[in-house]
Amino acid sequence: MRREPSWRIPVGVLALIAALLAYGAVLSHFLGPLIAGWPVLLQVPVYLVLGVIWLPPLRRYMIWMETGRWG
């Protein structure tokens, strides 16, 4: 258990916010125009997958923020 504050948490949160903003910007720039003309029922699964795909790598990142180790 961590007893003292760590620099990794605020830096990690800021990096996560920046990465998610960049991810969203890239997707909206490149993918948005491609699927804008699709029916809504086809767009929903694409956006659901893209909205959830970044979650699995987040586990190791959160472990790093807490412990300083990647695993």
PDB file of N, CA and C in Angstrom:
ATOM      1  N   MET A   1       0.839  -1.184   0.000  1.00  0.00           N
ATOM      2  CA  MET A   1       0.000   0.000   0.000  1.00  0.00           C
ATOM      3  C   MET A   1       0.884   1.246   0.000  1.00  0.00           C
ATOM      4  N   ARG A   2       0.517   2.193  -0.845  1.00  0.00           N
ATOM      5  CA  ARG A   2       1.276   3.429  -0.987  1.00  0.00           C
ATOM      6  C   ARG A   2       1.033   4.332   0.219  1.00  0.00           C
ATOM      7  N   ARG A   3       2.100   4.842   0.829  1.00  0.00           N
ATOM      8  CA  ARG A   3       1.986   5.683   2.017  1.00  0.00           C
ATOM      9  C   ARG A   3       2.163   7.170   1.695  1.00  0.00           C
ATOM     10  N   GLU A   4       2.864   7.482   0.616  1.00  0.00           N
ATOM     11  CA  GLU A   4       3.141   8.868   0.279  1.00  0.00           C
ATOM     12  C   GLU A   4       2.685   9.165  -1.143  1.00  0.00           C
ATOM     13  N   PRO A   5       2.406  10.422  -1.463  1.00  0.00           N
ATOM     14  CA  PRO A   5       1.954  10.766  -2.815  1.00  0.00           C
ATOM     15  C   PRO A   5       3.018  10.427  -3.861  1.00  0.00           C
ATOM     16  N   SER A   6       2.568  10.098  -5.034  1.00  0.00           N
ATOM     17  CA  SER A   6       3.474   9.753  -6.118  1.00  0.00           C
ATOM     18  C   SER A   6       3.245  10.703  -7.286  1.00  0.00           C
ATOM     19  N   TRP A   7       4.294  11.059  -7.980  1.00  0.00           N
ATOM     20  CA  TRP A   7       4.196  11.923  -9.147  1.00  0.00           C
ATOM     21  C   TRP A   7       3.490  11.217 -10.293  1.00  0.00           C
ATOM     22  N   ARG A   8       3.466   9.873 -10.254  1.00  0.00           N
ATOM     23  CA  ARG A   8       2.893   9.113 -11.369  1.00  0.00           C
ATOM     24  C   ARG A   8       1.396   9.329 -11.512  1.00  0.00           C
ATOM     25  N   ILE A   9       0.690   9.574 -10.426  1.00  0.00           N
ATOM     26  CA  ILE A   9      -0.767   9.697 -10.508  1.00  0.00           C
ATOM     27  C   ILE A   9      -1.181  10.969 -11.252  1.00  0.00           C
ATOM     28  N   PRO A  10      -0.756  12.164 -10.853  1.00  0.00           N
ATOM     29  CA  PRO A  10      -1.185  13.334 -11.630  1.00  0.00           C
ATOM     30  C   PRO A  10      -0.647  13.329 -13.058  1.00  0.00           C
ATOM     31  N   VAL A  11       0.600  12.881 -13.231  1.00  0.00           N
ATOM     32  CA  VAL A  11       1.161  12.808 -14.580  1.00  0.00           C
ATOM     33  C   VAL A  11       0.400  11.769 -15.404  1.00  0.00           C
ATOM     34  N   GLY A  12       0.077  10.651 -14.789  1.00  0.00           N
ATOM     35  CA  GLY A  12      -0.662   9.603 -15.485  1.00  0.00           C
ATOM     36  C   GLY A  12      -2.059  10.039 -15.886  1.00  0.00           C
ATOM     37  N   VAL A  13      -2.746  10.759 -15.014  1.00  0.00           N
ATOM     38  CA  VAL A  13      -4.089  11.242 -15.336  1.00  0.00           C
ATOM     39  C   VAL A  13      -4.025  12.246 -16.480  1.00  0.00           C
ATOM     40  N   LEU A  14      -3.080  13.167 -16.431  1.00  0.00           N
ATOM     41  CA  LEU A  14      -2.931  14.141 -17.514  1.00  0.00           C
ATOM     42  C   LEU A  14      -2.572  13.457 -18.831  1.00  0.00           C
ATOM     43  N   ALA A  15      -1.692  12.466 -18.773  1.00  0.00           N
ATOM     44  CA  ALA A  15      -1.327  11.731 -19.987  1.00  0.00           C
ATOM     45  C   ALA A  15      -2.516  10.942 -20.528  1.00  0.00           C
ATOM     46  N   LEU A  16      -3.314  10.372 -19.638  1.00  0.00           N
ATOM     47  CA  LEU A  16      -4.502   9.628 -20.069  1.00  0.00           C
ATOM     48  C   LEU A  16      -5.505  10.553 -20.747  1.00  0.00           C
ATOM     49  N   ILE A  17      -5.740  11.719 -20.179  1.00  0.00           N
ATOM     50  CA  ILE A  17      -6.657  12.682 -20.787  1.00  0.00           C
ATOM     51  C   ILE A  17      -6.143  13.112 -22.159  1.00  0.00           C
ATOM     52  N   ALA A  18      -4.854  13.405 -22.250  1.00  0.00           N
ATOM     53  CA  ALA A  18      -4.269  13.806 -23.535  1.00  0.00           C
ATOM     54  C   ALA A  18      -4.374  12.683 -24.564  1.00  0.00           C
ATOM     55  N   ALA A  19      -4.109  11.455 -24.138  1.00  0.00           N
ATOM     56  CA  ALA A  19      -4.180  10.320 -25.067  1.00  0.00           C
ATOM     57  C   ALA A  19      -5.607  10.082 -25.545  1.00  0.00           C
ATOM     58  N   LEU A  20      -6.578  10.194 -24.651  1.00  0.00           N
ATOM     59  CA  LEU A  20      -7.971  10.001 -25.054  1.00  0.00           C
ATOM     60  C   LEU A  20      -8.449  11.113 -25.969  1.00  0.00           C
ATOM     61  N   LEU A  21      -8.023  12.345 -25.724  1.00  0.00           N
ATOM     62  CA  LEU A  21      -8.369  13.445 -26.625  1.00  0.00           C
ATOM     63  C   LEU A  21      -7.754  13.229 -28.011  1.00  0.00           C
ATOM     64  N   ALA A  22      -6.501  12.786 -28.047  1.00  0.00           N
ATOM     65  CA  ALA A  22      -5.845  12.511 -29.327  1.00  0.00           C
ATOM     66  C   ALA A  22      -6.532  11.350 -30.051  1.00  0.00           C
ATOM     67  N   TYR A  23      -6.871  10.306 -29.312  1.00  0.00           N
ATOM     68  CA  TYR A  23      -7.573   9.146 -29.878  1.00  0.00           C
ATOM     69  C   TYR A  23      -8.902   9.580 -30.488  1.00  0.00           C
ATOM     70  N   GLY A  24      -9.658  10.363 -29.755  1.00  0.00           N
ATOM     71  CA  GLY A  24     -10.941  10.846 -30.252  1.00  0.00           C
ATOM     72  C   GLY A  24     -10.789  11.750 -31.459  1.00  0.00           C
ATOM     73  N   ALA A  25      -9.784  12.626 -31.434  1.00  0.00           N
ATOM     74  CA  ALA A  25      -9.555  13.530 -32.561  1.00  0.00           C
ATOM     75  C   ALA A  25      -9.167  12.768 -33.818  1.00  0.00           C
ATOM     76  N   VAL A  26      -8.284  11.794 -33.671  1.00  0.00           N
ATOM     77  CA  VAL A  26      -7.856  11.001 -34.829  1.00  0.00           C
ATOM     78  C   VAL A  26      -9.028  10.206 -35.395  1.00  0.00           C
ATOM     79  N   LEU A  27      -9.789   9.571 -34.507  1.00  0.00           N
ATOM     80  CA  LEU A  27     -10.938   8.797 -34.982  1.00  0.00           C
ATOM     81  C   LEU A  27     -11.977   9.677 -35.656  1.00  0.00           C
ATOM     82  N   SER A  28     -12.277  10.814 -35.058  1.00  0.00           N
ATOM     83  CA  SER A  28     -13.300  11.670 -35.652  1.00  0.00           C
ATOM     84  C   SER A  28     -12.827  12.276 -36.969  1.00  0.00           C
ATOM     85  N   HIS A  29     -11.534  12.526 -37.084  1.00  0.00           N
ATOM     86  CA  HIS A  29     -11.004  13.100 -38.320  1.00  0.00           C
ATOM     87  C   HIS A  29     -11.001  12.087 -39.462  1.00  0.00           C
ATOM     88  N   PHE A  30     -10.537  10.876 -39.183  1.00  0.00           N
ATOM     89  CA  PHE A  30     -10.398   9.885 -40.245  1.00  0.00           C
ATOM     90  C   PHE A  30     -11.619   8.991 -40.422  1.00  0.00           C
ATOM     91  N   LEU A  31     -12.209   8.560 -39.319  1.00  0.00           N
ATOM     92  CA  LEU A  31     -13.296   7.592 -39.401  1.00  0.00           C
ATOM     93  C   LEU A  31     -14.663   8.246 -39.539  1.00  0.00           C
ATOM     94  N   GLY A  32     -14.837   9.412 -38.932  1.00  0.00           N
ATOM     95  CA  GLY A  32     -16.126  10.103 -38.980  1.00  0.00           C
ATOM     96  C   GLY A  32     -16.669  10.292 -40.382  1.00  0.00           C
ATOM     97  N   PRO A  33     -15.874  10.881 -41.282  1.00  0.00           N
ATOM     98  CA  PRO A  33     -16.383  11.071 -42.641  1.00  0.00           C
ATOM     99  C   PRO A  33     -16.660   9.757 -43.381  1.00  0.00           C
ATOM    100  N   LEU A  34     -15.930   8.707 -43.041  1.00  0.00           N
ATOM    101  CA  LEU A  34     -16.132   7.424 -43.719  1.00  0.00           C
ATOM    102  C   LEU A  34     -17.477   6.790 -43.383  1.00  0.00           C
ATOM    103  N   ILE A  35     -17.878   6.880 -42.126  1.00  0.00           N
ATOM    104  CA  ILE A  35     -19.105   6.189 -41.727  1.00  0.00           C
ATOM    105  C   ILE A  35     -20.283   7.138 -41.509  1.00  0.00           C
ATOM    106  N   ALA A  36     -20.107   8.421 -41.815  1.00  0.00           N
ATOM    107  CA  ALA A  36     -21.187   9.389 -41.603  1.00  0.00           C
ATOM    108  C   ALA A  36     -22.422   9.067 -42.437  1.00  0.00           C
ATOM    109  N   GLY A  37     -22.232   8.485 -43.589  1.00  0.00           N
ATOM    110  CA  GLY A  37     -23.365   8.181 -44.461  1.00  0.00           C
ATOM    111  C   GLY A  37     -24.012   6.836 -44.192  1.00  0.00           C
ATOM    112  N   TRP A  38     -23.435   6.067 -43.293  1.00  0.00           N
ATOM    113  CA  TRP A  38     -23.992   4.754 -42.966  1.00  0.00           C
ATOM    114  C   TRP A  38     -25.285   4.915 -42.176  1.00  0.00           C
ATOM    115  N   PRO A  39     -26.143   3.913 -42.233  1.00  0.00           N
ATOM    116  CA  PRO A  39     -27.324   3.926 -41.357  1.00  0.00           C
ATOM    117  C   PRO A  39     -26.894   3.880 -39.884  1.00  0.00           C
ATOM    118  N   VAL A  40     -27.697   4.461 -39.048  1.00  0.00           N
ATOM    119  CA  VAL A  40     -27.369   4.557 -37.620  1.00  0.00           C
ATOM    120  C   VAL A  40     -27.142   3.187 -37.002  1.00  0.00           C
ATOM    121  N   LEU A  41     -27.914   2.196 -37.408  1.00  0.00           N
ATOM    122  CA  LEU A  41     -27.757   0.855 -36.830  1.00  0.00           C
ATOM    123  C   LEU A  41     -26.429   0.205 -37.199  1.00  0.00           C
ATOM    124  N   LEU A  42     -25.773   0.678 -38.227  1.00  0.00           N
ATOM    125  CA  LEU A  42     -24.426   0.189 -38.540  1.00  0.00           C
ATOM    126  C   LEU A  42     -23.350   1.032 -37.849  1.00  0.00           C
ATOM    127  N   GLN A  43     -23.647   2.290 -37.610  1.00  0.00           N
ATOM    128  CA  GLN A  43     -22.684   3.166 -36.933  1.00  0.00           C
ATOM    129  C   GLN A  43     -22.544   2.823 -35.450  1.00  0.00           C
ATOM    130  N   VAL A  44     -23.637   2.440 -34.819  1.00  0.00           N
ATOM    131  CA  VAL A  44     -23.636   2.178 -33.372  1.00  0.00           C
ATOM    132  C   VAL A  44     -22.611   1.112 -32.980  1.00  0.00           C
ATOM    133  N   PRO A  45     -22.584  -0.065 -33.646  1.00  0.00           N
ATOM    134  CA  PRO A  45     -21.570  -1.055 -33.228  1.00  0.00           C
ATOM    135  C   PRO A  45     -20.135  -0.565 -33.433  1.00  0.00           C
ATOM    136  N   VAL A  46     -19.908   0.194 -34.495  1.00  0.00           N
ATOM    137  CA  VAL A  46     -18.557   0.707 -34.734  1.00  0.00           C
ATOM    138  C   VAL A  46     -18.142   1.633 -33.593  1.00  0.00           C
ATOM    139  N   TYR A  47     -19.004   2.568 -33.237  1.00  0.00           N
ATOM    140  CA  TYR A  47     -18.673   3.495 -32.157  1.00  0.00           C
ATOM    141  C   TYR A  47     -18.601   2.795 -30.804  1.00  0.00           C
ATOM    142  N   LEU A  48     -19.406   1.768 -30.594  1.00  0.00           N
ATOM    143  CA  LEU A  48     -19.322   1.008 -29.338  1.00  0.00           C
ATOM    144  C   LEU A  48     -17.976   0.303 -29.213  1.00  0.00           C
ATOM    145  N   VAL A  49     -17.549  -0.347 -30.293  1.00  0.00           N
ATOM    146  CA  VAL A  49     -16.259  -1.046 -30.270  1.00  0.00           C
ATOM    147  C   VAL A  49     -15.128  -0.044 -30.060  1.00  0.00           C
ATOM    148  N   LEU A  50     -15.157   1.065 -30.797  1.00  0.00           N
ATOM    149  CA  LEU A  50     -14.094   2.065 -30.664  1.00  0.00           C
ATOM    150  C   LEU A  50     -14.126   2.758 -29.307  1.00  0.00           C
ATOM    151  N   GLY A  51     -15.292   2.817 -28.691  1.00  0.00           N
ATOM    152  CA  GLY A  51     -15.394   3.426 -27.377  1.00  0.00           C
ATOM    153  C   GLY A  51     -14.937   2.530 -26.251  1.00  0.00           C
ATOM    154  N   VAL A  52     -14.869   1.220 -26.511  1.00  0.00           N
ATOM    155  CA  VAL A  52     -14.494   0.260 -25.466  1.00  0.00           C
ATOM    156  C   VAL A  52     -13.086  -0.297 -25.684  1.00  0.00           C
ATOM    157  N   ILE A  53     -12.565  -0.190 -26.888  1.00  0.00           N
ATOM    158  CA  ILE A  53     -11.295  -0.841 -27.237  1.00  0.00           C
ATOM    159  C   ILE A  53     -10.104  -0.296 -26.441  1.00  0.00           C
ATOM    160  N   TRP A  54     -10.202   0.924 -25.939  1.00  0.00           N
ATOM    161  CA  TRP A  54      -9.085   1.495 -25.192  1.00  0.00           C
ATOM    162  C   TRP A  54      -9.063   1.047 -23.734  1.00  0.00           C
ATOM    163  N   LEU A  55     -10.095   0.364 -23.277  1.00  0.00           N
ATOM    164  CA  LEU A  55     -10.165  -0.039 -21.868  1.00  0.00           C
ATOM    165  C   LEU A  55      -9.186  -1.151 -21.461  1.00  0.00           C
ATOM    166  N   PRO A  56      -9.003  -2.231 -22.237  1.00  0.00           N
ATOM    167  CA  PRO A  56      -8.073  -3.284 -21.785  1.00  0.00           C
ATOM    168  C   PRO A  56      -6.650  -2.805 -21.499  1.00  0.00           C
ATOM    169  N   PRO A  57      -6.042  -1.956 -22.328  1.00  0.00           N
ATOM    170  CA  PRO A  57      -4.694  -1.483 -21.978  1.00  0.00           C
ATOM    171  C   PRO A  57      -4.676  -0.585 -20.738  1.00  0.00           C
ATOM    172  N   LEU A  58      -5.820  -0.053 -20.370  1.00  0.00           N
ATOM    173  CA  LEU A  58      -5.900   0.850 -19.229  1.00  0.00           C
ATOM    174  C   LEU A  58      -5.543   0.147 -17.921  1.00  0.00           C
ATOM    175  N   ARG A  59      -5.803  -1.141 -17.815  1.00  0.00           N
ATOM    176  CA  ARG A  59      -5.512  -1.884 -16.573  1.00  0.00           C
ATOM    177  C   ARG A  59      -4.025  -1.812 -16.225  1.00  0.00           C
ATOM    178  N   ARG A  60      -3.178  -2.116 -17.200  1.00  0.00           N
ATOM    179  CA  ARG A  60      -1.734  -2.082 -16.939  1.00  0.00           C
ATOM    180  C   ARG A  60      -1.260  -0.663 -16.654  1.00  0.00           C
ATOM    181  N   TYR A  61      -1.875   0.297 -17.314  1.00  0.00           N
ATOM    182  CA  TYR A  61      -1.524   1.701 -17.089  1.00  0.00           C
ATOM    183  C   TYR A  61      -1.872   2.128 -15.664  1.00  0.00           C
ATOM    184  N   MET A  62      -3.029   1.702 -15.189  1.00  0.00           N
ATOM    185  CA  MET A  62      -3.440   2.029 -13.820  1.00  0.00           C
ATOM    186  C   MET A  62      -2.516   1.354 -12.807  1.00  0.00           C
ATOM    187  N   ILE A  63      -2.093   0.126 -13.092  1.00  0.00           N
ATOM    188  CA  ILE A  63      -1.134  -0.560 -12.214  1.00  0.00           C
ATOM    189  C   ILE A  63       0.165   0.236 -12.159  1.00  0.00           C
ATOM    190  N   TRP A  64       0.625   0.731 -13.316  1.00  0.00           N
ATOM    191  CA  TRP A  64       1.842   1.542 -13.329  1.00  0.00           C
ATOM    192  C   TRP A  64       1.661   2.800 -12.488  1.00  0.00           C
ATOM    193  N   MET A  65       0.510   3.453 -12.619  1.00  0.00           N
ATOM    194  CA  MET A  65       0.284   4.683 -11.848  1.00  0.00           C
ATOM    195  C   MET A  65       0.351   4.424 -10.349  1.00  0.00           C
ATOM    196  N   GLU A  66      -0.125   3.279  -9.907  1.00  0.00           N
ATOM    197  CA  GLU A  66      -0.131   2.969  -8.473  1.00  0.00           C
ATOM    198  C   GLU A  66       1.197   2.418  -7.968  1.00  0.00           C
ATOM    199  N   THR A  67       1.832   1.551  -8.751  1.00  0.00           N
ATOM    200  CA  THR A  67       3.014   0.827  -8.245  1.00  0.00           C
ATOM    201  C   THR A  67       4.329   1.198  -8.893  1.00  0.00           C
ATOM    202  N   GLY A  68       4.281   1.745 -10.103  1.00  0.00           N
ATOM    203  CA  GLY A  68       5.510   2.015 -10.830  1.00  0.00           C
ATOM    204  C   GLY A  68       5.974   0.844 -11.660  1.00  0.00           C
ATOM    205  N   ARG A  69       5.226  -0.252 -11.625  1.00  0.00           N
ATOM    206  CA  ARG A  69       5.534  -1.438 -12.437  1.00  0.00           C
ATOM    207  C   ARG A  69       4.426  -1.622 -13.478  1.00  0.00           C
ATOM    208  N   TRP A  70       4.729  -2.252 -14.604  1.00  0.00           N
ATOM    209  CA  TRP A  70       3.758  -2.421 -15.680  1.00  0.00           C
ATOM    210  C   TRP A  70       2.955  -3.711 -15.559  1.00  0.00           C
ATOM    211  N   GLY A  71       3.190  -4.507 -14.562  1.00  0.00           N
ATOM    212  CA  GLY A  71       2.466  -5.767 -14.494  1.00  0.00           C
ATOM    213  C   GLY A  71       2.030  -6.127 -13.111  1.00  0.00           C
TER     214      GLY A  71
END
